[in-house]
Amino acid sequence: DIGPLTITAEDDHIIGIDFGVTSSANCVNVPII
């Protein structure tokens, strides 16, 4: 609702939620994300 968010996980933990689309975003299906 507030625009794109990039969610980053390391193993099974969330390490980042950033506003916008970051260059590291990929399309892998990750359950924790």
Full PDB file with SEQRES, HELIX, SHEET, SSBOND, CRYST1, ORIGX, SCALE, CONECT and MASTER records, all heavy atoms in Angstrom:
SEQRES   1 A   33  ASP ILE GLY PRO LEU THR ILE THR ALA GLU ASP ASP HIS          
SEQRES   2 A   33  ILE ILE GLY ILE ASP PHE GLY VAL THR SER SER ALA ASN          
SEQRES   3 A   33  CYS VAL ASN VAL PRO ILE ILE                                  
SHEET    1 AA1 2 LEU A   5  GLU A  10  0                                        
SHEET    2 AA1 2 HIS A  13  PHE A  19 -1                                        
CRYST1    1.000    1.000    1.000  90.00  90.00  90.00 P 1           1          
ORIGX1      1.000000  0.000000  0.000000        0.00000                         
ORIGX2      0.000000  1.000000  0.000000        0.00000                         
ORIGX3      0.000000  0.000000  1.000000        0.00000                         
SCALE1      1.000000  0.000000  0.000000        0.00000                         
SCALE2      0.000000  1.000000  0.000000        0.00000                         
SCALE3      0.000000  0.000000  1.000000        0.00000                         
ATOM      1  N   ASP A   1       0.806  -1.217   0.000  1.00  0.00           N  
ATOM      2  CA  ASP A   1       0.000   0.000   0.000  1.00  0.00           C  
ATOM      3  C   ASP A   1       0.840   1.268   0.000  1.00  0.00           C  
ATOM      4  O   ASP A   1       0.338   2.338  -0.360  1.00  0.00           O  
ATOM      5  CB  ASP A   1      -0.925   0.022   1.223  1.00  0.00           C  
ATOM      6  CG  ASP A   1      -1.989  -1.062   1.167  1.00  0.00           C  
ATOM      7  OD1 ASP A   1      -2.147  -1.710   0.113  1.00  0.00           O  
ATOM      8  OD2 ASP A   1      -2.670  -1.274   2.187  1.00  0.00           O  
ATOM      9  N   ILE A   2       2.098   1.178   0.409  1.00  0.00           N  
ATOM     10  CA  ILE A   2       2.968   2.360   0.440  1.00  0.00           C  
ATOM     11  C   ILE A   2       4.058   2.298  -0.622  1.00  0.00           C  
ATOM     12  O   ILE A   2       5.030   3.034  -0.560  1.00  0.00           O  
ATOM     13  CB  ILE A   2       3.588   2.559   1.845  1.00  0.00           C  
ATOM     14  CG1 ILE A   2       4.405   1.343   2.255  1.00  0.00           C  
ATOM     15  CG2 ILE A   2       2.520   2.889   2.863  1.00  0.00           C  
ATOM     16  CD1 ILE A   2       5.244   1.553   3.497  1.00  0.00           C  
ATOM     17  N   GLY A   3       3.904   1.401  -1.583  1.00  0.00           N  
ATOM     18  CA  GLY A   3       4.889   1.255  -2.644  1.00  0.00           C  
ATOM     19  C   GLY A   3       5.679  -0.030  -2.478  1.00  0.00           C  
ATOM     20  O   GLY A   3       5.418  -0.821  -1.576  1.00  0.00           O  
ATOM     21  N   PRO A   4       6.665  -0.246  -3.345  1.00  0.00           N  
ATOM     22  CA  PRO A   4       7.424  -1.492  -3.280  1.00  0.00           C  
ATOM     23  C   PRO A   4       8.339  -1.549  -2.055  1.00  0.00           C  
ATOM     24  O   PRO A   4       8.910  -0.536  -1.643  1.00  0.00           O  
ATOM     25  CB  PRO A   4       8.237  -1.496  -4.571  1.00  0.00           C  
ATOM     26  CG  PRO A   4       8.333  -0.068  -4.965  1.00  0.00           C  
ATOM     27  CD  PRO A   4       7.096   0.606  -4.455  1.00  0.00           C  
ATOM     28  N   LEU A   5       8.415  -2.732  -1.468  1.00  0.00           N  
ATOM     29  CA  LEU A   5       9.345  -3.016  -0.378  1.00  0.00           C  
ATOM     30  C   LEU A   5      10.193  -4.203  -0.791  1.00  0.00           C  
ATOM     31  O   LEU A   5       9.677  -5.172  -1.351  1.00  0.00           O  
ATOM     32  CB  LEU A   5       8.594  -3.382   0.904  1.00  0.00           C  
ATOM     33  CG  LEU A   5       7.751  -2.310   1.569  1.00  0.00           C  
ATOM     34  CD1 LEU A   5       6.980  -2.895   2.758  1.00  0.00           C  
ATOM     35  CD2 LEU A   5       8.624  -1.149   2.029  1.00  0.00           C  
ATOM     36  N   THR A   6      11.480  -4.138  -0.514  1.00  0.00           N  
ATOM     37  CA  THR A   6      12.362  -5.272  -0.733  1.00  0.00           C  
ATOM     38  C   THR A   6      12.633  -5.920   0.612  1.00  0.00           C  
ATOM     39  O   THR A   6      13.071  -5.256   1.553  1.00  0.00           O  
ATOM     40  CB  THR A   6      13.690  -4.845  -1.388  1.00  0.00           C  
ATOM     41  OG1 THR A   6      13.406  -4.279  -2.671  1.00  0.00           O  
ATOM     42  CG2 THR A   6      14.621  -6.044  -1.572  1.00  0.00           C  
ATOM     43  N   ILE A   7      12.331  -7.194   0.707  1.00  0.00           N  
ATOM     44  CA  ILE A   7      12.527  -7.953   1.939  1.00  0.00           C  
ATOM     45  C   ILE A   7      13.709  -8.888   1.719  1.00  0.00           C  
ATOM     46  O   ILE A   7      13.738  -9.642   0.753  1.00  0.00           O  
ATOM     47  CB  ILE A   7      11.259  -8.748   2.298  1.00  0.00           C  
ATOM     48  CG1 ILE A   7      10.056  -7.796   2.421  1.00  0.00           C  
ATOM     49  CG2 ILE A   7      11.466  -9.537   3.591  1.00  0.00           C  
ATOM     50  CD1 ILE A   7       8.719  -8.492   2.570  1.00  0.00           C  
ATOM     51  N   THR A   8      14.669  -8.822   2.622  1.00  0.00           N  
ATOM     52  CA  THR A   8      15.882  -9.623   2.514  1.00  0.00           C  
ATOM     53  C   THR A   8      15.960 -10.578   3.697  1.00  0.00           C  
ATOM     54  O   THR A   8      15.687 -10.191   4.836  1.00  0.00           O  
ATOM     55  CB  THR A   8      17.137  -8.738   2.500  1.00  0.00           C  
ATOM     56  OG1 THR A   8      16.996  -7.765   1.455  1.00  0.00           O  
ATOM     57  CG2 THR A   8      18.396  -9.558   2.253  1.00  0.00           C  
ATOM     58  N   ALA A   9      16.330 -11.820   3.403  1.00  0.00           N  
ATOM     59  CA  ALA A   9      16.501 -12.827   4.448  1.00  0.00           C  
ATOM     60  C   ALA A   9      17.887 -13.435   4.335  1.00  0.00           C  
ATOM     61  O   ALA A   9      18.445 -13.548   3.245  1.00  0.00           O  
ATOM     62  CB  ALA A   9      15.449 -13.921   4.327  1.00  0.00           C  
ATOM     63  N   GLU A  10      18.412 -13.823   5.478  1.00  0.00           N  
ATOM     64  CA  GLU A  10      19.644 -14.587   5.543  1.00  0.00           C  
ATOM     65  C   GLU A  10      19.285 -15.884   6.249  1.00  0.00           C  
ATOM     66  O   GLU A  10      18.867 -15.859   7.406  1.00  0.00           O  
ATOM     67  CB  GLU A  10      20.716 -13.825   6.318  1.00  0.00           C  
ATOM     68  CG  GLU A  10      22.051 -14.547   6.336  1.00  0.00           C  
ATOM     69  CD  GLU A  10      23.110 -13.701   7.009  1.00  0.00           C  
ATOM     70  OE1 GLU A  10      23.670 -12.818   6.337  1.00  0.00           O  
ATOM     71  OE2 GLU A  10      23.354 -13.935   8.206  1.00  0.00           O  
ATOM     72  N   ASP A  11      19.422 -16.969   5.533  1.00  0.00           N  
ATOM     73  CA  ASP A  11      18.957 -18.272   6.025  1.00  0.00           C  
ATOM     74  C   ASP A  11      17.481 -18.135   6.389  1.00  0.00           C  
ATOM     75  O   ASP A  11      16.693 -17.789   5.537  1.00  0.00           O  
ATOM     76  CB  ASP A  11      19.836 -18.768   7.175  1.00  0.00           C  
ATOM     77  CG  ASP A  11      21.287 -18.954   6.727  1.00  0.00           C  
ATOM     78  OD1 ASP A  11      21.511 -19.429   5.596  1.00  0.00           O  
ATOM     79  OD2 ASP A  11      22.195 -18.602   7.505  1.00  0.00           O  
ATOM     80  N   ASP A  12      17.114 -18.340   7.638  1.00  0.00           N  
ATOM     81  CA  ASP A  12      15.702 -18.287   8.037  1.00  0.00           C  
ATOM     82  C   ASP A  12      15.376 -17.055   8.878  1.00  0.00           C  
ATOM     83  O   ASP A  12      14.460 -17.093   9.706  1.00  0.00           O  
ATOM     84  CB  ASP A  12      15.331 -19.560   8.812  1.00  0.00           C  
ATOM     85  CG  ASP A  12      15.339 -20.789   7.925  1.00  0.00           C  
ATOM     86  OD1 ASP A  12      15.042 -20.662   6.722  1.00  0.00           O  
ATOM     87  OD2 ASP A  12      15.644 -21.884   8.434  1.00  0.00           O  
ATOM     88  N   HIS A  13      16.110 -15.956   8.677  1.00  0.00           N  
ATOM     89  CA  HIS A  13      15.883 -14.735   9.444  1.00  0.00           C  
ATOM     90  C   HIS A  13      15.741 -13.536   8.508  1.00  0.00           C  
ATOM     91  O   HIS A  13      16.474 -13.430   7.520  1.00  0.00           O  
ATOM     92  CB  HIS A  13      17.049 -14.473  10.401  1.00  0.00           C  
ATOM     93  CG  HIS A  13      17.144 -15.464  11.507  1.00  0.00           C  
ATOM     94  ND1 HIS A  13      17.753 -16.688  11.350  1.00  0.00           N  
ATOM     95  CD2 HIS A  13      16.684 -15.419  12.764  1.00  0.00           C  
ATOM     96  CE1 HIS A  13      17.665 -17.361  12.485  1.00  0.00           C  
ATOM     97  NE2 HIS A  13      17.028 -16.610  13.367  1.00  0.00           N  
ATOM     98  N   ILE A  14      14.858 -12.627   8.858  1.00  0.00           N  
ATOM     99  CA  ILE A  14      14.724 -11.380   8.118  1.00  0.00           C  
ATOM    100  C   ILE A  14      15.861 -10.468   8.547  1.00  0.00           C  
ATOM    101  O   ILE A  14      16.076 -10.244   9.747  1.00  0.00           O  
ATOM    102  CB  ILE A  14      13.358 -10.712   8.395  1.00  0.00           C  
ATOM    103  CG1 ILE A  14      12.202 -11.630   7.949  1.00  0.00           C  
ATOM    104  CG2 ILE A  14      13.272  -9.337   7.718  1.00  0.00           C  
ATOM    105  CD1 ILE A  14      12.182 -11.959   6.473  1.00  0.00           C  
ATOM    106  N   ILE A  15      16.586  -9.925   7.581  1.00  0.00           N  
ATOM    107  CA  ILE A  15      17.675  -8.995   7.892  1.00  0.00           C  
ATOM    108  C   ILE A  15      17.430  -7.615   7.292  1.00  0.00           C  
ATOM    109  O   ILE A  15      18.143  -6.670   7.623  1.00  0.00           O  
ATOM    110  CB  ILE A  15      19.052  -9.531   7.444  1.00  0.00           C  
ATOM    111  CG1 ILE A  15      19.110  -9.725   5.925  1.00  0.00           C  
ATOM    112  CG2 ILE A  15      19.419 -10.791   8.200  1.00  0.00           C  
ATOM    113  CD1 ILE A  15      20.516  -9.972   5.394  1.00  0.00           C  
ATOM    114  N   GLY A  16      16.429  -7.491   6.425  1.00  0.00           N  
ATOM    115  CA  GLY A  16      16.186  -6.189   5.825  1.00  0.00           C  
ATOM    116  C   GLY A  16      14.799  -6.048   5.235  1.00  0.00           C  
ATOM    117  O   GLY A  16      14.277  -6.991   4.641  1.00  0.00           O  
ATOM    118  N   ILE A  17      14.213  -4.878   5.443  1.00  0.00           N  
ATOM    119  CA  ILE A  17      13.000  -4.467   4.742  1.00  0.00           C  
ATOM    120  C   ILE A  17      13.273  -3.029   4.317  1.00  0.00           C  
ATOM    121  O   ILE A  17      13.391  -2.140   5.152  1.00  0.00           O  
ATOM    122  CB  ILE A  17      11.736  -4.563   5.612  1.00  0.00           C  
ATOM    123  CG1 ILE A  17      11.493  -6.018   6.048  1.00  0.00           C  
ATOM    124  CG2 ILE A  17      10.529  -4.015   4.831  1.00  0.00           C  
ATOM    125  CD1 ILE A  17      10.313  -6.216   6.967  1.00  0.00           C  
ATOM    126  N   ASP A  18      13.441  -2.842   3.022  1.00  0.00           N  
ATOM    127  CA  ASP A  18      13.831  -1.550   2.473  1.00  0.00           C  
ATOM    128  C   ASP A  18      12.741  -1.013   1.555  1.00  0.00           C  
ATOM    129  O   ASP A  18      12.050  -1.780   0.877  1.00  0.00           O  
ATOM    130  CB  ASP A  18      15.129  -1.691   1.664  1.00  0.00           C  
ATOM    131  CG  ASP A  18      16.290  -2.161   2.509  1.00  0.00           C  
ATOM    132  OD1 ASP A  18      16.582  -1.496   3.519  1.00  0.00           O  
ATOM    133  OD2 ASP A  18      16.903  -3.192   2.174  1.00  0.00           O  
ATOM    134  N   PHE A  19      12.645   0.310   1.515  1.00  0.00           N  
ATOM    135  CA  PHE A  19      11.701   0.957   0.616  1.00  0.00           C  
ATOM    136  C   PHE A  19      12.240   0.916  -0.797  1.00  0.00           C  
ATOM    137  O   PHE A  19      13.422   1.150  -1.033  1.00  0.00           O  
ATOM    138  CB  PHE A  19      11.450   2.398   1.062  1.00  0.00           C  
ATOM    139  CG  PHE A  19      10.779   2.461   2.397  1.00  0.00           C  
ATOM    140  CD1 PHE A  19      11.512   2.687   3.544  1.00  0.00           C  
ATOM    141  CD2 PHE A  19       9.416   2.259   2.506  1.00  0.00           C  
ATOM    142  CE1 PHE A  19      10.903   2.722   4.781  1.00  0.00           C  
ATOM    143  CE2 PHE A  19       8.797   2.283   3.741  1.00  0.00           C  
ATOM    144  CZ  PHE A  19       9.538   2.518   4.882  1.00  0.00           C  
ATOM    145  N   GLY A  20      11.382   0.592  -1.749  1.00  0.00           N  
ATOM    146  CA  GLY A  20      11.771   0.520  -3.142  1.00  0.00           C  
ATOM    147  C   GLY A  20      12.286  -0.854  -3.515  1.00  0.00           C  
ATOM    148  O   GLY A  20      12.205  -1.814  -2.748  1.00  0.00           O  
ATOM    149  N   VAL A  21      12.817  -0.944  -4.713  1.00  0.00           N  
ATOM    150  CA  VAL A  21      13.358  -2.198  -5.234  1.00  0.00           C  
ATOM    151  C   VAL A  21      14.869  -2.068  -5.229  1.00  0.00           C  
ATOM    152  O   VAL A  21      15.419  -1.159  -5.842  1.00  0.00           O  
ATOM    153  CB  VAL A  21      12.851  -2.466  -6.666  1.00  0.00           C  
ATOM    154  CG1 VAL A  21      13.441  -3.764  -7.205  1.00  0.00           C  
ATOM    155  CG2 VAL A  21      11.334  -2.502  -6.705  1.00  0.00           C  
ATOM    156  N   THR A  22      15.538  -2.957  -4.518  1.00  0.00           N  
ATOM    157  CA  THR A  22      17.001  -2.901  -4.486  1.00  0.00           C  
ATOM    158  C   THR A  22      17.569  -3.801  -5.578  1.00  0.00           C  
ATOM    159  O   THR A  22      16.903  -4.716  -6.061  1.00  0.00           O  
ATOM    160  CB  THR A  22      17.562  -3.336  -3.119  1.00  0.00           C  
ATOM    161  OG1 THR A  22      17.249  -4.702  -2.908  1.00  0.00           O  
ATOM    162  CG2 THR A  22      16.982  -2.494  -1.998  1.00  0.00           C  
ATOM    163  N   SER A  23      18.794  -3.554  -5.916  1.00  0.00           N  
ATOM    164  CA  SER A  23      19.424  -4.323  -6.992  1.00  0.00           C  
ATOM    165  C   SER A  23      19.621  -5.786  -6.628  1.00  0.00           C  
ATOM    166  O   SER A  23      19.816  -6.620  -7.501  1.00  0.00           O  
ATOM    167  CB  SER A  23      20.770  -3.691  -7.353  1.00  0.00           C  
ATOM    168  OG  SER A  23      21.632  -3.708  -6.239  1.00  0.00           O  
ATOM    169  N   SER A  24      19.553  -6.115  -5.332  1.00  0.00           N  
ATOM    170  CA  SER A  24      19.752  -7.510  -4.929  1.00  0.00           C  
ATOM    171  C   SER A  24      18.472  -8.336  -5.007  1.00  0.00           C  
ATOM    172  O   SER A  24      18.502  -9.538  -4.771  1.00  0.00           O  
ATOM    173  CB  SER A  24      20.315  -7.568  -3.504  1.00  0.00           C  
ATOM    174  OG  SER A  24      19.378  -7.009  -2.596  1.00  0.00           O  
ATOM    175  N   ALA A  25      17.345  -7.700  -5.321  1.00  0.00           N  
ATOM    176  CA  ALA A  25      16.080  -8.436  -5.367  1.00  0.00           C  
ATOM    177  C   ALA A  25      16.122  -9.507  -6.450  1.00  0.00           C  
ATOM    178  O   ALA A  25      16.562  -9.275  -7.562  1.00  0.00           O  
ATOM    179  CB  ALA A  25      14.911  -7.485  -5.616  1.00  0.00           C  
ATOM    180  N   ASN A  26      15.688 -10.700  -6.087  1.00  0.00           N  
ATOM    181  CA  ASN A  26      15.606 -11.790  -7.046  1.00  0.00           C  
ATOM    182  C   ASN A  26      14.226 -12.426  -6.922  1.00  0.00           C  
ATOM    183  O   ASN A  26      13.391 -11.969  -6.162  1.00  0.00           O  
ATOM    184  CB  ASN A  26      16.744 -12.801  -6.819  1.00  0.00           C  
ATOM    185  CG  ASN A  26      16.782 -13.312  -5.387  1.00  0.00           C  
ATOM    186  OD1 ASN A  26      15.753 -13.640  -4.807  1.00  0.00           O  
ATOM    187  ND2 ASN A  26      17.970 -13.376  -4.807  1.00  0.00           N  
ATOM    188  N   CYS A  27      13.974 -13.463  -7.631  1.00  0.00           N  
ATOM    189  CA  CYS A  27      12.637 -14.058  -7.660  1.00  0.00           C  
ATOM    190  C   CYS A  27      12.593 -15.441  -7.020  1.00  0.00           C  
ATOM    191  O   CYS A  27      11.756 -16.257  -7.369  1.00  0.00           O  
ATOM    192  CB  CYS A  27      12.124 -14.126  -9.094  1.00  0.00           C  
ATOM    193  SG  CYS A  27      11.914 -12.501  -9.836  1.00  0.00           S  
ATOM    194  N   VAL A  28      13.482 -15.699  -6.097  1.00  0.00           N  
ATOM    195  CA  VAL A  28      13.522 -17.004  -5.441  1.00  0.00           C  
ATOM    196  C   VAL A  28      12.376 -17.092  -4.441  1.00  0.00           C  
ATOM    197  O   VAL A  28      12.105 -16.140  -3.710  1.00  0.00           O  
ATOM    198  CB  VAL A  28      14.882 -17.198  -4.735  1.00  0.00           C  
ATOM    199  CG1 VAL A  28      14.916 -18.498  -3.970  1.00  0.00           C  
ATOM    200  CG2 VAL A  28      16.008 -17.138  -5.745  1.00  0.00           C  
ATOM    201  N   ASN A  29      11.703 -18.215  -4.398  1.00  0.00           N  
ATOM    202  CA  ASN A  29      10.630 -18.436  -3.432  1.00  0.00           C  
ATOM    203  C   ASN A  29      11.259 -18.799  -2.086  1.00  0.00           C  
ATOM    204  O   ASN A  29      11.844 -19.858  -1.940  1.00  0.00           O  
ATOM    205  CB  ASN A  29       9.703 -19.543  -3.929  1.00  0.00           C  
ATOM    206  CG  ASN A  29       8.510 -19.729  -3.010  1.00  0.00           C  
ATOM    207  OD1 ASN A  29       8.230 -18.903  -2.144  1.00  0.00           O  
ATOM    208  ND2 ASN A  29       7.809 -20.824  -3.213  1.00  0.00           N  
ATOM    209  N   VAL A  30      11.159 -17.898  -1.111  1.00  0.00           N  
ATOM    210  CA  VAL A  30      11.751 -18.093   0.203  1.00  0.00           C  
ATOM    211  C   VAL A  30      10.630 -18.015   1.237  1.00  0.00           C  
ATOM    212  O   VAL A  30      10.007 -16.961   1.394  1.00  0.00           O  
ATOM    213  CB  VAL A  30      12.834 -17.027   0.488  1.00  0.00           C  
ATOM    214  CG1 VAL A  30      13.441 -17.213   1.865  1.00  0.00           C  
ATOM    215  CG2 VAL A  30      13.904 -17.073  -0.593  1.00  0.00           C  
ATOM    216  N   PRO A  31      10.362 -19.118   1.941  1.00  0.00           N  
ATOM    217  CA  PRO A  31       9.233 -19.135   2.887  1.00  0.00           C  
ATOM    218  C   PRO A  31       9.240 -18.000   3.912  1.00  0.00           C  
ATOM    219  O   PRO A  31       8.192 -17.394   4.161  1.00  0.00           O  
ATOM    220  CB  PRO A  31       9.356 -20.501   3.562  1.00  0.00           C  
ATOM    221  CG  PRO A  31      10.022 -21.360   2.537  1.00  0.00           C  
ATOM    222  CD  PRO A  31      10.989 -20.439   1.838  1.00  0.00           C  
ATOM    223  N   ILE A  32      10.380 -17.656   4.500  1.00  0.00           N  
ATOM    224  CA  ILE A  32      10.393 -16.607   5.523  1.00  0.00           C  
ATOM    225  C   ILE A  32      10.091 -15.244   4.922  1.00  0.00           C  
ATOM    226  O   ILE A  32       9.441 -14.402   5.556  1.00  0.00           O  
ATOM    227  CB  ILE A  32      11.716 -16.605   6.329  1.00  0.00           C  
ATOM    228  CG1 ILE A  32      11.583 -15.697   7.552  1.00  0.00           C  
ATOM    229  CG2 ILE A  32      12.889 -16.189   5.484  1.00  0.00           C  
ATOM    230  CD1 ILE A  32      10.495 -16.080   8.520  1.00  0.00           C  
ATOM    231  N   ILE A  33      10.511 -15.010   3.688  1.00  0.00           N  
ATOM    232  CA  ILE A  33      10.178 -13.741   3.028  1.00  0.00           C  
ATOM    233  C   ILE A  33       8.695 -13.708   2.702  1.00  0.00           C  
ATOM    234  O   ILE A  33       8.031 -12.684   2.885  1.00  0.00           O  
ATOM    235  CB  ILE A  33      11.048 -13.519   1.774  1.00  0.00           C  
ATOM    236  CG1 ILE A  33      12.509 -13.312   2.192  1.00  0.00           C  
ATOM    237  CG2 ILE A  33      10.540 -12.339   0.957  1.00  0.00           C  
ATOM    238  CD1 ILE A  33      13.475 -13.149   1.034  1.00  0.00           C  
TER     239      ILE A  33                                                      
MASTER        0    0    0    0    2    0    0    6  238    1    0    3          
END                                                                             
